[in-house]
Amino acid sequence: MRYAPAGPGQRGAALTVALDHHRPDQEVFLCRPLPMVAGARPRLPVAGTPAGGIHLPGRFTG
């Protein structure tokens, strides 16, 4: 079976791809894997996400 090459929006680590599509007014819900959550927490505010817009496991409501 042959696979098509990954498009530009599909290349890189999940967090890097997500930040490429992120808009500062969006809220972000982080879950697993825990190393990715730990890596995302300092990067999201730099990308424009306010602290109140970052939701961590155990704090999800709905």
C-alpha atoms as a PDB file:
ATOM      1  CA  MET A   1       0.000   0.000   0.000  1.00  0.00           C
ATOM      2  CA  ARG A   2       1.323   3.451  -0.881  1.00  0.00           C
ATOM      3  CA  TYR A   3       0.618   6.514   1.228  1.00  0.00           C
ATOM      4  CA  ALA A   4       0.456  10.090   0.004  1.00  0.00           C
ATOM      5  CA  PRO A   5       3.066  12.431   1.478  1.00  0.00           C
ATOM      6  CA  ALA A   6       1.913  14.440   4.470  1.00  0.00           C
ATOM      7  CA  GLY A   7       0.604  17.904   3.665  1.00  0.00           C
ATOM      8  CA  PRO A   8       2.075  21.019   5.282  1.00  0.00           C
ATOM      9  CA  GLY A   9      -0.591  21.008   8.014  1.00  0.00           C
ATOM     10  CA  GLN A  10       0.288  17.446   8.962  1.00  0.00           C
ATOM     11  CA  ARG A  11       4.041  17.750   9.434  1.00  0.00           C
ATOM     12  CA  GLY A  12       5.715  18.034  12.809  1.00  0.00           C
ATOM     13  CA  ALA A  13       4.804  17.342  16.410  1.00  0.00           C
ATOM     14  CA  ALA A  14       1.121  17.593  17.318  1.00  0.00           C
ATOM     15  CA  LEU A  15       1.684  20.719  19.395  1.00  0.00           C
ATOM     16  CA  THR A  16       3.632  22.458  16.623  1.00  0.00           C
ATOM     17  CA  VAL A  17       0.923  21.665  14.068  1.00  0.00           C
ATOM     18  CA  ALA A  18      -1.784  22.858  16.464  1.00  0.00           C
ATOM     19  CA  LEU A  19       0.025  26.136  17.128  1.00  0.00           C
ATOM     20  CA  ASP A  20       0.334  26.697  13.375  1.00  0.00           C
ATOM     21  CA  HIS A  21      -3.487  26.741  13.215  1.00  0.00           C
ATOM     22  CA  HIS A  22      -4.104  28.479  16.542  1.00  0.00           C
ATOM     23  CA  ARG A  23      -5.812  31.868  16.790  1.00  0.00           C
ATOM     24  CA  PRO A  24      -5.257  33.970  19.934  1.00  0.00           C
ATOM     25  CA  ASP A  25      -9.005  34.142  20.683  1.00  0.00           C
ATOM     26  CA  GLN A  26      -9.363  30.349  20.892  1.00  0.00           C
ATOM     27  CA  GLU A  27      -9.497  28.388  24.112  1.00  0.00           C
ATOM     28  CA  VAL A  28      -7.308  25.311  24.346  1.00  0.00           C
ATOM     29  CA  PHE A  29      -8.137  22.012  26.050  1.00  0.00           C
ATOM     30  CA  LEU A  30      -5.051  19.959  26.888  1.00  0.00           C
ATOM     31  CA  CYS A  31      -5.186  16.301  27.843  1.00  0.00           C
ATOM     32  CA  ARG A  32      -2.625  13.606  27.111  1.00  0.00           C
ATOM     33  CA  PRO A  33       0.177  12.719  26.755  1.00  0.00           C
ATOM     34  CA  LEU A  34       1.388  14.478  29.878  1.00  0.00           C
ATOM     35  CA  PRO A  35       4.798  15.461  28.402  1.00  0.00           C
ATOM     36  CA  MET A  36       2.923  17.284  25.621  1.00  0.00           C
ATOM     37  CA  VAL A  37       0.751  19.066  28.203  1.00  0.00           C
ATOM     38  CA  ALA A  38       3.885  20.139  30.061  1.00  0.00           C
ATOM     39  CA  GLY A  39       5.438  21.401  26.832  1.00  0.00           C
ATOM     40  CA  ALA A  40       2.301  23.235  25.739  1.00  0.00           C
ATOM     41  CA  ARG A  41       1.704  25.198  28.929  1.00  0.00           C
ATOM     42  CA  PRO A  42       4.585  27.664  28.458  1.00  0.00           C
ATOM     43  CA  ARG A  43       4.114  27.905  24.671  1.00  0.00           C
ATOM     44  CA  LEU A  44       0.410  28.759  24.602  1.00  0.00           C
ATOM     45  CA  PRO A  45       0.663  32.145  26.356  1.00  0.00           C
ATOM     46  CA  VAL A  46       3.413  33.116  23.914  1.00  0.00           C
ATOM     47  CA  ALA A  47       0.996  32.208  21.102  1.00  0.00           C
ATOM     48  CA  GLY A  48      -1.569  34.604  22.604  1.00  0.00           C
ATOM     49  CA  THR A  49      -3.760  32.266  24.635  1.00  0.00           C
ATOM     50  CA  PRO A  50      -4.697  33.901  27.956  1.00  0.00           C
ATOM     51  CA  ALA A  51      -4.136  31.799  31.072  1.00  0.00           C
ATOM     52  CA  GLY A  52      -7.913  31.544  31.564  1.00  0.00           C
ATOM     53  CA  GLY A  53      -8.237  30.036  28.088  1.00  0.00           C
ATOM     54  CA  ILE A  54      -5.982  27.061  28.820  1.00  0.00           C
ATOM     55  CA  HIS A  55      -7.930  24.128  30.243  1.00  0.00           C
ATOM     56  CA  LEU A  56      -6.104  21.217  31.870  1.00  0.00           C
ATOM     57  CA  PRO A  57      -7.234  17.663  32.715  1.00  0.00           C
ATOM     58  CA  GLY A  58      -9.510  17.640  35.737  1.00  0.00           C
ATOM     59  CA  ARG A  59     -10.659  21.212  35.078  1.00  0.00           C
ATOM     60  CA  PHE A  60     -12.857  20.504  32.043  1.00  0.00           C
ATOM     61  CA  THR A  61     -16.500  21.456  32.492  1.00  0.00           C
ATOM     62  CA  GLY A  62     -19.450  21.073  30.242  1.00  0.00           C
END
